[in-house]
């Protein structure tokens, strides 16, 4: 029986990666695949979730290039904000009587075509740093509270998706959002409702002012003329506004007042992303080496909480986002999540969110595995804030957009968090003698796992955990750099399984690595004073 090994995200709190492998138990022979990631491919340092001056960042692309060069960064995946405004309407005609507050520059305000042209211009100007355009989108925000009670809250404005490889300006302009009327996308709605509101206000003023003047020039009383205005002008305009408001309430893109429902709204955005392609050359050449299709995306900062207080035209309101593990579990079609960043990373704990999602994949509830990304959330340099603090290292045959995006789609990457000069590197990851991306056969159910990790700063100790299906099966203390080899015999009832390794550190701030390949993911975890790394491998059922 053939087995396919796939490295997914592997991360240590001190910089290591996770591995995943697909395997079916049956043969004994492992034949090397020369194109396996980490062998003939090159490891490229990539930075995810970077903002520029075109949205909420401080640097232009040439300025960012200079910073990236000094930190040996190969590629930057941009994630400028697609749209940053907030809309609120007064009941009962919320989609007629509404205000929109613009928070910061955005891609739609800058111009999608102009944005992509800026990226292309910088890529043509120099070859040291490759820029891959992407955007940060808000799938949906919604309101609770009441204006008169001064307890208005805009929820989930920071429940964001990072969309990678968006090269078509029309695709950018049409990415799915549930945020009310979007300038440039819903121009007819905006112009129509504003014009109708202006007519209604003008009609109201005319009804108040004109009847007495007209009564002096006609044989009718002011009361009769006012009733005529009300029945012939005000009422028809109100009914028309009510009809348009009702139509807007039925449109998913404008539904920002009903309760939270990730399976409906966030899933709507993910389904739309799955139907849109990224690079046209994906899947056509050896560099891509696979199928293309949906836009790659990952959930941004899913464990972070955000709460801010504002006043607009004298009215107080709050913008609030809570951690959203339930969204990861309830939605499908996303490529991965930010599991390595500079905040808390508890979703990678044994048995936590990532394990639960991977087990959904094992159970056939998800078509594809999900990966763990390294997320920088970068806007500018500062004390302790460097562009390369968090890297996603991608194995690809060449530094071109199609090759990098395809490697990410297949999980050929890992993420690492670098801190205080420390950086970990995954040198070896083998399961049953096969490395990531190789195909072979097993004659028995025994699984041999080999892991070798080097470190920029040697000598630090760490606990390494080997985890199968969310359960720790091996725990050992090692000194960096280290090499670990263990044997495991999955229980006979385990027709499917995945493995991952985690490393615990006693440092409050650590480096971390995450590795990806098509069937599992790994990430770094930093909770309390402990850091965790994970390695996964995965076994499909026997045929």
Protein backbone atom coordinates (compact mmCIF):
# COMPACT_ATOMS: atom_id res chain seq x y z
CA UNK A 1 0.00 0.00 0.00
CA UNK A 2 1.43 3.38 -0.94
CA UNK A 3 1.81 6.01 1.69
CA UNK A 4 2.17 9.70 1.16
CA UNK A 5 4.02 11.75 3.74
CA UNK A 6 3.25 15.40 4.08
CA UNK A 7 4.86 17.94 6.33
CA UNK A 8 2.47 20.44 7.70
CA UNK A 9 3.03 23.22 10.17
CA UNK A 10 5.45 22.45 12.89
CA UNK A 11 6.25 24.99 15.49
CA UNK A 12 8.18 25.29 18.70
CA UNK A 13 7.96 28.14 21.12
CA UNK A 14 11.63 28.33 20.45
CA UNK A 15 11.50 27.86 16.72
CA UNK A 16 10.70 24.50 15.36
CA UNK A 17 8.11 23.07 12.98
CA UNK A 18 5.31 20.64 12.84
CA UNK A 19 4.99 17.82 10.39
CA UNK A 20 2.09 15.90 9.03
CA UNK A 21 2.10 12.83 6.92
CA UNK A 22 -0.50 10.83 5.09
CA UNK A 23 0.05 7.15 5.22
CA UNK A 24 -1.65 3.84 4.72
CA UNK A 25 -0.13 0.85 6.48
CA UNK A 26 0.91 -1.97 4.26
CA UNK A 27 4.31 -2.09 2.64
CA UNK A 28 7.84 -1.71 3.86
CA UNK A 29 9.75 0.10 1.18
CA UNK A 30 10.17 3.85 0.93
CA UNK A 31 11.15 5.37 -2.38
CA UNK A 32 12.46 8.90 -2.39
CA UNK A 33 10.73 11.59 -4.33
CA UNK A 34 13.38 14.03 -5.62
CA UNK A 35 10.95 16.91 -5.46
CA UNK A 36 10.22 16.53 -1.78
CA UNK A 37 10.20 19.87 0.07
CA UNK A 38 13.34 20.51 2.01
CA UNK A 39 15.46 18.39 -0.38
CA UNK A 40 15.69 19.79 -3.91
CA UNK A 41 13.46 22.75 -3.07
CA UNK A 42 14.78 25.96 -1.55
CA UNK A 43 13.63 27.39 1.78
CA UNK A 44 12.42 30.99 1.35
CA UNK A 45 11.89 33.35 4.27
CA UNK A 46 8.41 34.84 3.87
CA UNK A 47 6.58 37.36 6.04
CA UNK A 48 2.80 37.14 6.32
CA UNK A 49 0.34 39.91 7.26
CA UNK A 50 2.23 43.06 6.30
CA UNK A 51 0.59 46.47 5.88
CA UNK A 52 1.98 49.29 3.76
CA UNK A 53 1.23 52.99 3.39
CA UNK A 54 -1.59 51.99 1.05
CA UNK A 55 -3.60 50.99 4.13
CA UNK A 56 -2.59 51.16 7.81
CA UNK A 57 1.20 50.71 7.47
CA UNK A 58 3.88 53.42 7.58
CA UNK A 59 6.16 52.44 4.69
CA UNK A 60 6.06 52.57 0.94
CA UNK A 61 7.10 49.44 -0.94
CA UNK A 62 10.64 50.72 -1.72
CA UNK A 63 11.12 51.59 1.96
CA UNK A 64 9.86 48.16 2.97
CA UNK A 65 12.28 46.56 0.50
CA UNK A 66 15.23 48.23 2.23
CA UNK A 67 14.12 46.87 5.62
CA UNK A 68 13.53 43.38 4.22
CA UNK A 69 16.99 43.28 2.63
CA UNK A 70 18.73 43.99 5.93
CA UNK A 71 16.78 41.16 7.60
CA UNK A 72 17.32 38.62 4.79
CA UNK A 73 13.64 38.31 3.89
CA UNK A 74 12.94 36.70 0.52
CA UNK A 75 9.23 37.42 0.04
CA UNK A 76 6.49 39.51 1.62
CA UNK A 77 2.83 38.56 1.44
CA UNK A 78 1.00 41.88 1.64
CA UNK A 79 -2.28 42.11 3.52
CA UNK A 80 -3.39 45.70 3.21
CA UNK A 81 -6.89 46.35 4.48
CA UNK A 82 -9.49 45.90 1.75
CA UNK A 83 -12.01 48.10 3.57
CA UNK A 84 -11.92 49.72 7.01
CA UNK A 85 -15.19 51.65 7.32
CA UNK A 86 -18.08 51.03 9.73
CA UNK A 87 -21.74 51.63 8.86
CA UNK A 88 -24.69 52.12 11.20
CA UNK A 89 -28.32 52.86 10.37
CA UNK A 90 -31.26 54.08 12.42
CA UNK A 91 -34.28 51.79 12.76
CA UNK A 92 -36.74 51.17 11.27
CA UNK A 93 -35.17 52.23 7.94
CA UNK A 94 -31.58 51.27 8.73
CA UNK A 95 -30.50 51.11 5.10
CA UNK A 96 -31.92 54.54 4.28
CA UNK A 97 -31.01 56.58 7.38
CA UNK A 98 -27.40 55.48 7.84
CA UNK A 99 -23.94 56.89 8.47
CA UNK A 100 -20.58 55.42 7.49
CA UNK A 101 -17.36 56.10 9.41
CA UNK A 102 -14.09 55.61 7.55
CA UNK A 103 -11.26 54.54 9.87
CA UNK A 104 -8.11 54.33 7.74
CA UNK A 105 -6.88 54.14 4.15
CA UNK A 106 -7.77 50.93 2.34
CA UNK A 107 -7.20 49.09 -0.93
CA UNK A 108 -10.67 49.96 -2.22
CA UNK A 109 -10.14 53.63 -1.38
CA UNK A 110 -6.66 53.55 -2.95
CA UNK A 111 -7.97 51.68 -5.98
CA UNK A 112 -7.58 47.93 -6.56
CA UNK A 113 -6.02 48.36 -10.00
CA UNK A 114 -3.63 51.02 -8.72
CA UNK A 115 -2.72 48.83 -5.73
CA UNK A 116 -1.76 45.88 -7.94
CA UNK A 117 0.17 48.19 -10.27
CA UNK A 118 2.24 49.46 -7.32
CA UNK A 119 3.13 45.88 -6.36
CA UNK A 120 4.07 45.01 -9.94
CA UNK A 121 6.19 48.15 -10.26
CA UNK A 122 8.22 47.30 -7.15
CA UNK A 123 8.73 43.70 -8.27
CA UNK A 124 10.03 44.97 -11.62
CA UNK A 125 12.28 47.56 -9.96
CA UNK A 126 14.21 45.02 -7.89
CA UNK A 127 14.51 41.24 -7.47
CA UNK A 128 15.74 40.88 -3.89
CA UNK A 129 12.30 40.90 -2.26
CA UNK A 130 9.28 39.39 -3.96
CA UNK A 131 5.92 40.98 -3.16
CA UNK A 132 2.77 38.90 -3.42
CA UNK A 133 -0.38 41.01 -3.18
CA UNK A 134 -3.05 40.09 -0.69
CA UNK A 135 -5.65 41.78 1.45
CA UNK A 136 -7.14 41.61 4.92
CA UNK A 137 -10.91 41.37 4.81
CA UNK A 138 -13.65 41.57 7.43
CA UNK A 139 -16.09 38.81 6.43
CA UNK A 140 -18.79 40.36 8.60
CA UNK A 141 -19.37 42.75 11.48
CA UNK A 142 -22.70 43.28 13.23
CA UNK A 143 -24.30 45.62 15.76
CA UNK A 144 -25.94 45.16 19.14
CA UNK A 145 -27.34 47.65 21.62
CA UNK A 146 -29.45 50.77 21.11
CA UNK A 147 -28.59 54.34 20.21
CA UNK A 148 -30.75 55.92 22.93
CA UNK A 149 -29.28 53.62 25.58
CA UNK A 150 -25.72 54.57 24.49
CA UNK A 151 -24.64 50.92 24.50
CA UNK A 152 -23.94 50.41 20.80
CA UNK A 153 -21.31 47.75 20.06
CA UNK A 154 -19.88 46.84 16.67
CA UNK A 155 -18.85 43.17 16.93
CA UNK A 156 -16.20 41.18 15.04
CA UNK A 157 -14.57 44.04 13.18
CA UNK A 158 -11.23 42.28 13.85
CA UNK A 159 -12.43 38.76 12.97
CA UNK A 160 -10.41 38.89 9.80
CA UNK A 161 -9.30 36.70 6.91
CA UNK A 162 -6.00 37.16 5.08
CA UNK A 163 -6.48 36.44 1.37
CA UNK A 164 -3.29 35.54 -0.51
CA UNK A 165 -2.38 35.93 -4.16
CA UNK A 166 -5.13 38.25 -5.38
CA UNK A 167 -3.82 39.41 -8.76
CA UNK A 168 -7.06 40.39 -10.52
CA UNK A 169 -8.43 43.86 -9.66
CA UNK A 170 -11.97 42.66 -10.35
CA UNK A 171 -11.48 39.82 -7.87
CA UNK A 172 -10.18 42.28 -5.29
CA UNK A 173 -13.12 44.60 -5.81
CA UNK A 174 -15.60 41.72 -5.51
CA UNK A 175 -14.26 39.86 -2.48
CA UNK A 176 -17.22 38.90 -0.25
CA UNK A 177 -18.02 41.23 2.64
CA UNK A 178 -21.02 41.69 4.91
CA UNK A 179 -20.44 45.30 5.88
CA UNK A 180 -23.35 47.31 4.55
CA UNK A 181 -23.00 49.47 1.45
CA UNK A 182 -19.45 49.25 0.08
CA UNK A 183 -18.18 52.29 -1.88
CA UNK A 184 -17.25 51.34 -5.42
CA UNK A 185 -19.21 48.09 -5.22
CA UNK A 186 -22.72 49.18 -4.29
CA UNK A 187 -22.68 52.57 -6.01
CA UNK A 188 -26.25 52.21 -7.29
CA UNK A 189 -27.53 51.44 -3.79
CA UNK A 190 -25.58 54.32 -2.26
CA UNK A 191 -26.64 56.88 -4.89
CA UNK A 192 -30.23 55.64 -4.90
CA UNK A 193 -30.70 55.69 -1.13
CA UNK A 194 -28.97 59.05 -0.73
CA UNK A 195 -31.06 60.59 -3.50
CA UNK A 196 -34.24 59.13 -2.06
CA UNK A 197 -33.38 60.42 1.40
CA UNK A 198 -32.66 63.87 -0.02
CA UNK A 199 -36.03 63.88 -1.83
CA UNK A 200 -37.79 62.75 1.35
CA UNK A 201 -36.18 65.54 3.39
CA UNK A 202 -36.95 68.09 0.67
CA UNK A 203 -40.56 66.86 0.51
CA UNK A 204 -40.85 67.15 4.29
CA UNK A 205 -39.57 70.72 4.25
CA UNK A 206 -41.90 71.58 1.39
CA UNK A 207 -44.84 70.14 3.31
CA UNK A 208 -44.01 72.37 6.25
CA UNK A 209 -43.26 75.58 4.35
CA UNK A 210 -45.27 75.73 1.12
CA UNK A 211 -48.95 75.04 2.08
CA UNK A 212 -49.56 78.52 3.57
CA UNK A 213 -47.96 80.29 0.62
CA UNK A 214 -49.88 78.19 -1.90
CA UNK A 215 -53.14 78.72 0.02
CA UNK A 216 -52.88 82.46 -0.53
CA UNK A 217 -52.60 81.90 -4.29
CA UNK A 218 -55.33 79.25 -4.63
CA UNK A 219 -58.79 78.46 -3.44
CA UNK A 220 -57.60 75.71 -1.12
CA UNK A 221 -56.82 75.85 2.57
CA UNK A 222 -53.35 75.20 3.94
CA UNK A 223 -54.66 72.03 5.59
CA UNK A 224 -55.98 70.69 2.29
CA UNK A 225 -52.69 71.42 0.53
CA UNK A 226 -50.68 69.82 3.36
CA UNK A 227 -52.83 66.65 3.15
CA UNK A 228 -52.21 66.58 -0.59
CA UNK A 229 -48.46 66.80 0.00
CA UNK A 230 -48.63 64.04 2.59
CA UNK A 231 -50.71 61.67 0.45
CA UNK A 232 -49.24 62.51 -2.92
CA UNK A 233 -45.56 63.02 -2.06
CA UNK A 234 -44.52 62.06 1.48
CA UNK A 235 -46.41 58.74 1.63
CA UNK A 236 -45.23 57.44 -1.79
CA UNK A 237 -41.64 58.36 -0.97
CA UNK A 238 -41.89 56.65 2.43
CA UNK A 239 -43.37 53.51 0.87
CA UNK A 240 -40.60 53.49 -1.72
CA UNK A 241 -37.97 53.86 1.02
CA UNK A 242 -39.60 51.05 2.99
CA UNK A 243 -39.53 48.79 -0.07
CA UNK A 244 -35.86 49.53 -0.76
CA UNK A 245 -34.99 49.06 2.91
CA UNK A 246 -36.78 45.69 2.92
CA UNK A 247 -34.87 44.61 -0.18
CA UNK A 248 -31.60 45.65 1.47
CA UNK A 249 -32.48 43.71 4.62
CA UNK A 250 -32.82 40.58 2.50
CA UNK A 251 -29.40 41.00 0.87
CA UNK A 252 -26.66 39.02 2.75
CA UNK A 253 -24.04 41.67 2.04
CA UNK A 254 -26.06 44.27 3.99
CA UNK A 255 -27.10 42.12 6.98
CA UNK A 256 -25.14 43.79 9.78
CA UNK A 257 -27.87 43.78 12.42
CA UNK A 258 -28.83 40.12 12.93
CA UNK A 259 -26.98 38.04 15.58
CA UNK A 260 -23.66 36.31 15.08
CA UNK A 261 -23.89 33.26 12.80
CA UNK A 262 -20.47 32.08 11.51
CA UNK A 263 -21.93 29.06 9.71
CA UNK A 264 -23.96 31.50 7.63
CA UNK A 265 -21.99 34.71 7.17
CA UNK A 266 -18.33 33.72 7.52
CA UNK A 267 -19.04 30.55 5.57
CA UNK A 268 -20.58 32.67 2.81
CA UNK A 269 -17.27 34.51 2.44
CA UNK A 270 -15.22 31.29 2.49
CA UNK A 271 -17.45 29.65 -0.09
CA UNK A 272 -17.04 32.66 -2.38
CA UNK A 273 -13.26 32.56 -1.94
CA UNK A 274 -13.25 28.88 -2.86
CA UNK A 275 -14.92 29.74 -6.15
CA UNK A 276 -12.30 32.32 -7.14
CA UNK A 277 -8.85 31.53 -8.50
CA UNK A 278 -5.59 33.24 -7.63
CA UNK A 279 -2.82 33.04 -10.22
CA UNK A 280 -3.87 31.91 -13.70
CA UNK A 281 -0.60 30.01 -14.14
CA UNK A 282 -1.13 27.92 -11.01
CA UNK A 283 -1.31 24.27 -11.90
CA UNK A 284 -0.03 24.75 -15.45
CA UNK A 285 3.71 24.53 -15.01
CA UNK A 286 6.20 22.46 -13.10
CA UNK A 287 6.65 25.26 -10.64
CA UNK A 288 3.10 24.99 -9.46
CA UNK A 289 2.88 21.28 -9.88
CA UNK A 290 -0.74 20.93 -8.84
CA UNK A 291 -4.25 22.12 -9.05
CA UNK A 292 -5.26 25.72 -8.72
CA UNK A 293 -8.65 27.03 -7.80
CA UNK A 294 -9.74 28.75 -4.61
CA UNK A 295 -8.00 31.77 -3.20
CA UNK A 296 -5.70 30.78 -0.35
CA UNK A 297 -6.66 32.34 2.96
CA UNK A 298 -6.02 32.08 6.68
CA UNK A 299 -7.71 33.39 9.80
CA UNK A 300 -5.81 36.31 11.32
CA UNK A 301 -5.06 36.57 15.06
CA UNK A 302 -7.89 34.17 16.07
CA UNK A 303 -6.86 34.18 19.74
CA UNK A 304 -6.60 37.95 20.19
CA UNK A 305 -9.20 40.12 21.91
CA UNK A 306 -9.76 43.69 20.74
CA UNK A 307 -11.90 46.38 22.39
CA UNK A 308 -11.90 50.08 21.55
CA UNK A 309 -14.16 52.98 22.52
CA UNK A 310 -15.12 55.72 20.05
CA UNK A 311 -17.38 58.75 19.69
CA UNK A 312 -18.86 59.76 16.35
CA UNK A 313 -20.94 62.94 16.05
CA UNK A 314 -21.14 62.89 19.84
CA UNK A 315 -22.51 59.32 19.98
CA UNK A 316 -20.43 56.78 21.97
CA UNK A 317 -19.95 53.27 20.62
CA UNK A 318 -17.53 50.38 21.06
CA UNK A 319 -15.79 48.08 18.61
CA UNK A 320 -15.30 44.66 20.14
CA UNK A 321 -13.85 41.35 18.91
CA UNK A 322 -13.43 38.23 21.07
CA UNK A 323 -11.22 35.18 20.32
CA UNK A 324 -13.13 32.97 17.91
CA UNK A 325 -12.29 29.24 18.22
CA UNK A 326 -15.89 28.37 17.40
CA UNK A 327 -15.51 29.95 13.96
CA UNK A 328 -12.58 27.71 13.06
CA UNK A 329 -14.58 24.66 14.09
CA UNK A 330 -17.84 25.70 12.42
CA UNK A 331 -16.52 26.87 9.04
CA UNK A 332 -14.85 25.09 6.13
CA UNK A 333 -12.83 26.13 3.11
CA UNK A 334 -10.09 28.04 4.90
CA UNK A 335 -6.44 27.18 4.24
CA UNK A 336 -5.11 27.75 7.75
CA UNK A 337 -4.94 30.01 10.78
CA UNK A 338 -2.35 32.22 12.45
CA UNK A 339 -0.92 29.88 15.08
CA UNK A 340 2.51 31.47 15.41
CA UNK A 341 2.55 35.13 16.31
CA UNK A 342 3.67 37.39 19.13
CA UNK A 343 0.58 36.87 21.26
CA UNK A 344 -0.76 33.82 23.05
CA UNK A 345 -0.97 30.68 20.94
CA UNK A 346 -3.17 28.24 22.84
CA UNK A 347 -5.03 26.83 19.85
CA UNK A 348 -2.00 24.62 19.25
CA UNK A 349 -2.14 22.99 22.70
CA UNK A 350 -2.59 19.20 22.62
CA UNK A 351 -6.28 18.47 22.19
CA UNK A 352 -7.13 22.13 21.50
CA UNK A 353 -8.62 23.80 18.44
CA UNK A 354 -6.06 22.69 15.88
CA UNK A 355 -6.27 19.07 16.97
CA UNK A 356 -10.06 19.22 16.87
CA UNK A 357 -10.03 20.61 13.33
CA UNK A 358 -7.52 17.98 12.16
CA UNK A 359 -9.68 15.27 13.65
CA UNK A 360 -12.63 16.66 11.70
CA UNK A 361 -10.50 16.08 8.62
CA UNK A 362 -9.71 12.53 9.71
CA UNK A 363 -13.41 11.91 10.22
CA UNK A 364 -14.19 13.04 6.66
CA UNK A 365 -15.92 16.23 7.79
CA UNK A 366 -13.35 18.39 5.95
CA UNK A 367 -12.06 17.83 2.44
CA UNK A 368 -8.61 19.26 3.16
CA UNK A 369 -6.28 19.65 6.15
CA UNK A 370 -5.56 23.09 7.53
CA UNK A 371 -2.17 24.68 8.16
CA UNK A 372 -0.60 26.87 10.79
CA UNK A 373 0.81 30.19 9.52
CA UNK A 374 3.32 32.55 11.05
CA UNK A 375 1.71 35.97 11.36
CA UNK A 376 3.72 39.15 11.84
CA UNK A 377 0.96 41.86 11.82
CA UNK A 378 3.55 44.37 10.69
CA UNK A 379 3.11 48.11 10.22
CA UNK A 380 6.47 49.61 11.21
CA UNK A 381 9.81 48.97 12.91
CA UNK A 382 10.15 49.84 16.58
CA UNK A 383 11.85 48.79 19.83
CA UNK A 384 11.78 44.99 19.71
CA UNK A 385 9.58 45.14 16.62
CA UNK A 386 11.33 43.75 13.54
CA UNK A 387 9.87 42.66 10.25
CA UNK A 388 11.42 39.19 10.57
CA UNK A 389 10.31 38.51 14.14
CA UNK A 390 7.86 35.93 12.77
CA UNK A 391 8.64 34.07 9.56
CA UNK A 392 6.81 31.57 7.41
CA UNK A 393 9.49 29.50 5.69
CA UNK A 394 8.20 28.12 2.39
CA UNK A 395 9.87 25.30 0.44
CA UNK A 396 9.51 25.94 -3.27
CA UNK A 397 11.48 25.23 -6.47
CA UNK A 398 11.82 28.94 -7.26
CA UNK A 399 11.04 32.37 -5.85
CA UNK A 400 8.02 33.09 -8.00
CA UNK A 401 4.41 33.76 -6.96
CA UNK A 402 2.98 30.62 -8.54
CA UNK A 403 5.58 28.36 -6.93
CA UNK A 404 5.24 29.91 -3.45
CA UNK A 405 1.45 29.91 -3.52
CA UNK A 406 1.29 26.30 -4.67
CA UNK A 407 3.72 25.22 -1.95
CA UNK A 408 1.53 26.95 0.63
CA UNK A 409 -1.58 25.29 -0.77
CA UNK A 410 0.10 21.89 -0.40
CA UNK A 411 1.46 22.69 3.05
CA UNK A 412 5.16 22.88 2.16
CA UNK A 413 6.04 25.46 4.79
CA UNK A 414 6.69 26.08 8.44
CA UNK A 415 6.45 29.13 10.67
CA UNK A 416 8.89 30.33 13.26
CA UNK A 417 9.00 33.02 15.90
CA UNK A 418 12.48 34.49 16.36
CA UNK A 419 13.38 36.20 19.59
CA UNK A 420 16.56 37.64 21.17
CA UNK A 421 18.72 36.36 18.33
CA UNK A 422 17.37 32.82 18.52
CA UNK A 423 16.02 31.06 15.45
CA UNK A 424 15.27 27.38 14.98
CA UNK A 425 15.57 25.47 11.76
CA UNK A 426 14.07 22.13 10.83
CA UNK A 427 16.86 20.02 9.35
CA UNK A 428 15.20 16.61 9.21
CA UNK A 429 11.71 15.22 9.49
CA UNK A 430 11.15 11.62 8.48
CA UNK A 431 8.42 9.11 9.14
CA UNK A 432 9.07 5.43 8.39
CA UNK A 433 12.18 6.43 6.44
CA UNK A 434 10.30 8.80 4.15
CA UNK A 435 10.60 12.54 4.19
CA UNK A 436 7.89 15.02 3.48
CA UNK A 437 6.43 14.63 0.02
CA UNK A 438 7.82 11.13 -0.56
CA UNK A 439 5.90 7.99 -1.46
CA UNK A 440 6.66 4.50 -0.12
CA UNK A 441 5.29 1.29 1.35
CA UNK A 442 5.18 -0.23 4.80
CA UNK A 443 5.03 -3.92 5.64
CA UNK A 444 3.99 -3.44 9.24
CA UNK A 445 2.24 -0.95 11.41
CA UNK A 446 5.37 0.36 13.17
CA UNK A 447 6.11 4.02 12.57
CA UNK A 448 9.65 5.37 12.93
CA UNK A 449 9.84 9.12 13.49
CA UNK A 450 13.05 11.14 13.10
CA UNK A 451 13.36 14.82 13.93
CA UNK A 452 16.45 17.02 13.81
CA UNK A 453 16.40 20.70 14.75
CA UNK A 454 19.30 23.16 14.77
CA UNK A 455 19.43 26.49 16.56
CA UNK A 456 21.21 29.77 15.99
CA UNK A 457 21.98 29.86 19.72
CA UNK A 458 22.80 26.34 21.00
CA UNK A 459 22.66 25.01 24.55
CA UNK A 460 19.09 25.76 25.59
CA UNK A 461 17.03 22.92 27.00
CA UNK A 462 13.53 22.05 25.99
CA UNK A 463 10.89 19.41 26.52
CA UNK A 464 9.80 17.76 23.31
CA UNK A 465 6.38 16.14 23.04
CA UNK A 466 5.33 13.69 20.35
CA UNK A 467 1.56 13.76 19.92
CA UNK A 468 -0.70 11.38 18.05
CA UNK A 469 -4.29 12.45 17.38
CA UNK A 470 -4.11 15.08 20.10
CA UNK A 471 -2.63 12.74 22.76
CA UNK A 472 0.96 12.95 24.02
CA UNK A 473 2.73 9.60 23.37
CA UNK A 474 6.32 10.68 24.14
CA UNK A 475 7.87 13.32 26.37
CA UNK A 476 11.63 13.92 26.57
CA UNK A 477 14.01 16.73 27.60
CA UNK A 478 16.64 17.68 25.00
CA UNK A 479 19.30 20.35 24.46
CA UNK A 480 19.39 22.46 21.31
CA UNK A 481 20.43 21.50 18.73
CA UNK A 482 18.88 18.05 18.99
CA UNK A 483 18.05 14.92 17.07
CA UNK A 484 15.21 12.68 18.16
CA UNK A 485 14.18 9.26 16.89
CA UNK A 486 11.30 7.20 18.26
CA UNK A 487 9.15 4.25 17.20
CA UNK A 488 5.41 4.14 17.57
CA UNK A 489 2.82 1.46 16.97
CA UNK A 490 -0.61 3.03 16.47
CA UNK A 491 -3.41 0.95 18.00
CA UNK A 492 -5.04 -1.52 15.57
CA UNK A 493 -8.25 0.47 15.70
CA UNK A 494 -6.49 3.63 14.46
CA UNK A 495 -7.18 3.40 10.74
CA UNK A 496 -6.30 7.08 10.46
CA UNK A 497 -3.88 9.09 12.52
CA UNK A 498 -1.70 12.16 12.53
CA UNK A 499 1.41 12.90 14.57
CA UNK A 500 2.85 16.14 15.77
CA UNK A 501 5.71 17.17 18.01
CA UNK A 502 5.72 19.99 20.55
CA UNK A 503 8.59 21.58 22.39
CA UNK A 504 8.23 23.32 25.75
CA UNK A 505 10.60 26.08 26.82
CA UNK A 506 10.98 27.93 30.09
CA UNK A 507 11.58 31.26 28.40
CA UNK A 508 8.89 33.88 28.50
CA UNK A 509 9.66 34.93 24.92
CA UNK A 510 10.76 32.24 22.51
CA UNK A 511 11.37 31.53 18.90
CA UNK A 512 9.10 29.21 17.03
CA UNK A 513 8.74 27.33 13.78
CA UNK A 514 5.79 25.95 11.91
CA UNK A 515 5.96 23.58 9.00
CA UNK A 516 3.35 22.76 6.50
CA UNK A 517 2.60 20.17 3.87
CA UNK A 518 -0.75 18.85 2.84
CA UNK A 519 -2.32 16.99 5.64
CA UNK A 520 -1.60 18.37 9.01
CA UNK A 521 -0.25 21.37 10.67
CA UNK A 522 2.03 22.40 13.40
CA UNK A 523 2.51 25.56 15.31
CA UNK A 524 4.27 27.24 18.17
CA UNK A 525 2.57 27.87 21.40
CA UNK A 526 3.55 30.36 24.02
CA UNK A 527 1.31 30.34 27.06
CA UNK A 528 2.45 31.40 30.50
CA UNK A 529 6.24 30.74 30.48
CA UNK A 530 5.94 27.70 28.25
CA UNK A 531 6.50 27.47 24.54
CA UNK A 532 5.33 24.63 22.39
CA UNK A 533 6.26 23.19 19.01
CA UNK A 534 4.37 20.58 17.15
CA UNK A 535 5.10 17.99 14.52
CA UNK A 536 2.38 16.11 12.70
CA UNK A 537 2.07 13.25 10.31
CA UNK A 538 -1.06 11.68 9.04
CA UNK A 539 -2.22 8.28 7.88
CA UNK A 540 -5.12 7.69 5.50
CA UNK A 541 -7.08 4.45 5.75
CA UNK A 542 -6.02 1.26 4.03
CA UNK A 543 -7.66 0.66 0.67
